[in-house]
């Protein structure tokens, strides 16, 4: 089997595979080229056969491998290291083409992810040792794995030169893809996607004005090209990251090699325990705690020098001291510098802040140099105290700083060859400092608790709320937002943490309610003053807002309402109230009562008695405004009688019958007057109604007269204008001679009627011309052919004059275009009516070699005139038929006859 495989020509070996959809494709075992078509004249084997071949070869290779000694292994290791350092050296000749199995993925090679495709080909072409070779050492397996199987990344294990070469190729590939993408975008820009009312997408080409149901291939190419660009960009980004990492490692390795040459043999033996001076088993010294450093062994002298140089070039804070009464702290650094730090706002300043200028105690704190003993012992004591009072987000970075200090000190102790006991003492000292800081914080809290015991709870609550009011705490802010305003006030510690939060929430809720009530009260007052302004300005239901605003725009009550929307809304509300009040009759009732009161005062001035006649009072007060304000005479009489019966206290007895007869006569007279006035008023109403009817009759009479004149003028046009070539300017002279011209019609109306008449004649002439063409032309006829035929027809001379014959060709083209479109539409309707054509017809035609089904369809269609009409264009007719068959095949099984659109909606 091995011999057969080694003698195979890989360029002629093709492997058969299946994609996830079950479709078979083939790929070349050497070039990895893929195709859907089975190669002819080449050797083809299935994927299972190839796997079995490789398995047998693997077993044969294992049997050949023999034990080797240590020296051989070391030599092999050295040779592999050389291969790693010079990847372009292709001196290895034991290349086995089957040393790695081909991909067993169920898809063509062209559909692999882009970052796997170059590595698959490279794996088959680079000089990897075969299974018969000596296995490499375990610590070099990382360099031997294929790039796409390396767990540390896509490019891990490659040399720097290889990565630069791949980056160059990838950038060239990216540029080519971008050029292709630009071309494809230009081709795809003419296509637009739309949807029909049923939600089915179709595509429109703005260049060719064509529509199709199938998605154009160029749109799919755009998506594929975008995916390829994305993958190539991702691969370039990952390769660039790996190049930077390898360059860093090479610089570190170069420094380590230079330092190793200068040290003695004993230092070189110590270096063998640590792979690189800046790394211990892949971890940096800055990230290791003391236990990890002890586990990896003692640090070499070269490592200590690197760490000391790094520490010298970077100043760090060594001590801090808070400034009383402020959130600021003074910080001393390792290079004897001083700066100011605000832990609340996370601000650091070299210059003194504004609130600390002029303070003598700050000057004394800066002048007082920190003792040398405290420079290495205090470290983070005060910072730790601030950490305990800060939020959890502030505690974590401080804890990391303390841990880094402990680790760096532990490394220094190890580098100074101190024993394990010194390390334990250092950790204990740091723990004691943290405990002391916590104890000081507990003492502060204990003092605050004692103070809370001395002051009553109500007093403490009152002082805390006064503090919130003085600091102007917002009613709509949270505890975290306002805490920085109040945390440094002495009254802040009067309550416990839980009580502070509860009292703060209670205060904000109450304050929010107060602000809301104040706002509502102010708004209510503004609305009241605005309504007073409306009442004073005597606004009526006919007044508009613009009129009101222009008159009172400078009034303070108007300007107090800031929003124009509120002003207009309140104005319309008031107008609506006026309308409602008027509708209810309340205003009219008050007006009626006022008129009645004024009328009674007039009667009182006239000294009306119980026996006063109405005629005398009417004659005496008819010129008074209070009398004229009452429009109804009957209402004046009724109110006069009411005044006599209810508002006159004097009693004058009527003793004789004469006075009674006179009063009766007076009442009859007044009654007759009221009857006459009512009859007169009714006569005026009837006269007004008759005048309205008369106006309507006059309008109808005028309209009938005008319609008759139009009909006579149309008759004149029918008699005098018989051709569509007539012009108004010339025809008008002839029409003036006829007496029917002198009709009651204006000049524009006559011209309009003439144009309508001419257009009607032109329409009739076109219909006659179309009828003539339908007798002598087919769908493929030309104007030259038809002109020779119809020129001898006598109807042709009657239809057109010599001046209009030059326009006949254009009219003929329009007619043929319409006829061609009508013939195609009628043929499509015929196909729909043919029951023999179903959604299975196209499949039956494809399956039948003799196409009997297509012949049956054409026999039935030949019996209809709409099919025979297209005999002159058989190719176009066949295309329409096949398009219709494809369309109904795509639509599938039609719905049952009982189904309807309305029922589906229900």
Foldseek 3Di string as FASTA:
>chain_A
DVVVLQPDDQQQEKEWAAAPVRQIKIAGLQQLDIDSDDDPPGHYDYLVVLVVVLVVVLVVLVVLDDDDDPVVQVVVQVVVVVCQVPVVDQPDDQADQSQDRQDRHRDRLVPDQPLVNVLNNVVNVGRQHHSNDDDHDPVLVLLRDGQVPRVVHNPPNHALVVLVVVLVVLVVVLVVLVVVLVVLCVVCVQKDWDADPVRQIKIAGNVVRDIGSDDDVSVVVNVVSVSNNVSSVVVSVRSVVVSVVNVVVVVQVVVQVVVLVPDDPVLVVVCVLAVTLQDRVNHGLLPDALVVDVVSHFHGPVNVVVLVVVPVVDKDWQDWADDPPDQKIWTAIPVRAIWIARPVVRDIGSDDDPVCPPDPVVVVVSPPDDDPVSSHQLRCLVVLLVLVVDDPVSVVVVVVVLRSVLRSVSSVCSSVVHDPVVNVVSVVSSVVSSVVSVVVSVVVLVVLVVVLVVDDPVVLLVVLLVLCVVLVPALPDACVVCVVSPVSPPSVSNDDPVVSRVSSPVSSVVVVVVVVVVVVVLVVVLLVLLVVVVVVVPDALPDDPVVVCVVCVPPPSNVVPPDPVVSRVSVVVVSVVRVVCVVVCVVVVVVVVVLLVLLLVLVVVVVDELLDFPVVSCVVCVPPPSNVVDPDPVVSVVSSNVCHVPVHDDDDDDDDCVSVVVNVVSVVVVVVVVVVVVVVVVVVVVVVVVVVVVVVVVVVVVVVLVVVLLVLLLVLCVVQPQALVDDPVVVVVVSVVDPSVPGPDDPVVSVVSNVVVSVVRVVVLLVVVLVLQVVPDALPDAPVVVCVVCVPPPVVPVSDPPVCPVCVRVSVVVSSVVVVVVLLVVLVVVVVVDPLQALCLVVVQVVDPVSPSVVVVVVVVVVDVSLVSCPVPVVVSVVSVVVVNVVRNVVPDDDDPVDDPVVVVD
